[in-house]
Amino acid sequence: MGRKCPQCGSVDTGPSFTFDYERDDSGRVVARNPFFACVGCEHTWQVEMVLVVARPFDPDDAEAVDSFVEAINKEVVDVD
């Protein structure tokens, strides 16, 4: 995901888990401050960010697009 491991510098990293998440009625999951893991050295660290995981939706479905944008904007505005 483009995040270098702070321990070994590898870019073979990705989100691993989070303690702070919500699932909405559409199945979308909003994960806050997830932990990332390095494949090379197995180091884990927490990254201050918001990930939105959603099922694929029809880009021509205005309601689905608006709902997704609303979730993103809510997280960006609500961050302290």
Protein backbone atom coordinates (compact mmCIF):
# COMPACT_ATOMS: atom_id res chain seq x y z
CA MET A 1 0.00 0.00 0.00
CA GLY A 2 2.94 2.29 -0.39
CA ARG A 3 3.87 2.47 3.30
CA LYS A 4 7.47 1.60 4.04
CA CYS A 5 8.19 -0.56 7.05
CA PRO A 6 9.74 1.68 9.71
CA GLN A 7 11.98 -1.19 10.81
CA CYS A 8 13.44 -2.63 7.57
CA GLY A 9 12.28 -0.20 4.85
CA SER A 10 10.41 -2.83 2.83
CA VAL A 11 7.37 -1.69 0.84
CA ASP A 12 5.85 -5.17 1.04
CA THR A 13 3.40 -4.04 3.73
CA GLY A 14 -0.33 -3.71 4.20
CA PRO A 15 -3.13 -3.29 6.70
CA SER A 16 -3.33 -6.17 9.14
CA PHE A 17 -6.02 -5.47 11.78
CA THR A 18 -7.78 -2.76 13.76
CA PHE A 19 -9.61 -2.51 17.06
CA ASP A 20 -11.74 0.49 16.03
CA TYR A 21 -14.21 -0.22 13.23
CA GLU A 22 -17.88 0.07 12.29
CA ARG A 23 -19.99 -1.85 9.78
CA ASP A 24 -23.00 -0.07 8.29
CA ASP A 25 -26.21 -1.48 6.79
CA SER A 26 -24.72 -1.62 3.28
CA GLY A 27 -21.85 -3.84 4.44
CA ARG A 28 -19.26 -1.07 4.24
CA VAL A 29 -16.61 -1.20 6.97
CA VAL A 30 -14.91 1.95 8.24
CA ALA A 31 -11.63 1.09 10.02
CA ARG A 32 -9.79 3.72 12.02
CA ASN A 33 -6.08 3.72 12.85
CA PRO A 34 -5.32 0.23 11.55
CA PHE A 35 -2.17 -1.71 12.27
CA PHE A 36 0.08 -2.49 9.30
CA ALA A 37 2.39 -5.47 9.01
CA CYS A 38 5.59 -6.06 7.06
CA VAL A 39 5.88 -9.31 5.12
CA GLY A 40 9.69 -9.22 5.24
CA CYS A 41 10.44 -8.72 8.92
CA GLU A 42 6.95 -9.22 10.45
CA HIS A 43 7.11 -5.85 12.21
CA THR A 44 3.68 -4.31 13.02
CA TRP A 45 2.86 -0.67 13.64
CA GLN A 46 -0.22 1.53 13.90
CA VAL A 47 -1.00 4.12 11.24
CA GLU A 48 -3.25 7.10 11.93
CA MET A 49 -5.69 6.93 9.02
CA VAL A 50 -9.18 5.86 8.01
CA LEU A 51 -9.80 2.94 5.65
CA VAL A 52 -13.18 2.42 4.04
CA VAL A 53 -13.76 -1.08 2.77
CA ALA A 54 -16.80 -1.40 0.55
CA ARG A 55 -18.32 -3.90 -1.78
CA PRO A 56 -18.09 -2.90 -5.42
CA PHE A 57 -21.02 -0.78 -6.49
CA ASP A 58 -22.33 0.49 -9.78
CA PRO A 59 -20.61 3.85 -10.47
CA ASP A 60 -23.79 4.96 -12.27
CA ASP A 61 -25.85 4.44 -9.09
CA ALA A 62 -25.96 8.01 -7.74
CA GLU A 63 -27.36 6.92 -4.36
CA ALA A 64 -24.50 4.44 -3.80
CA VAL A 65 -21.89 7.01 -4.82
CA ASP A 66 -23.43 9.68 -2.58
CA SER A 67 -23.53 7.26 0.37
CA PHE A 68 -19.85 6.40 -0.12
CA VAL A 69 -18.84 10.07 -0.39
CA GLU A 70 -20.89 10.88 2.72
CA ALA A 71 -19.06 8.17 4.72
CA ILE A 72 -15.68 9.51 3.59
CA ASN A 73 -16.58 13.11 4.35
CA LYS A 74 -17.99 12.20 7.77
CA GLU A 75 -14.74 10.51 8.75
CA VAL A 76 -12.60 13.39 7.47
CA VAL A 77 -14.70 16.06 9.22
CA ASP A 78 -15.07 14.10 12.49
CA VAL A 79 -11.32 13.50 12.95
CA ASP A 80 -9.89 15.53 15.83
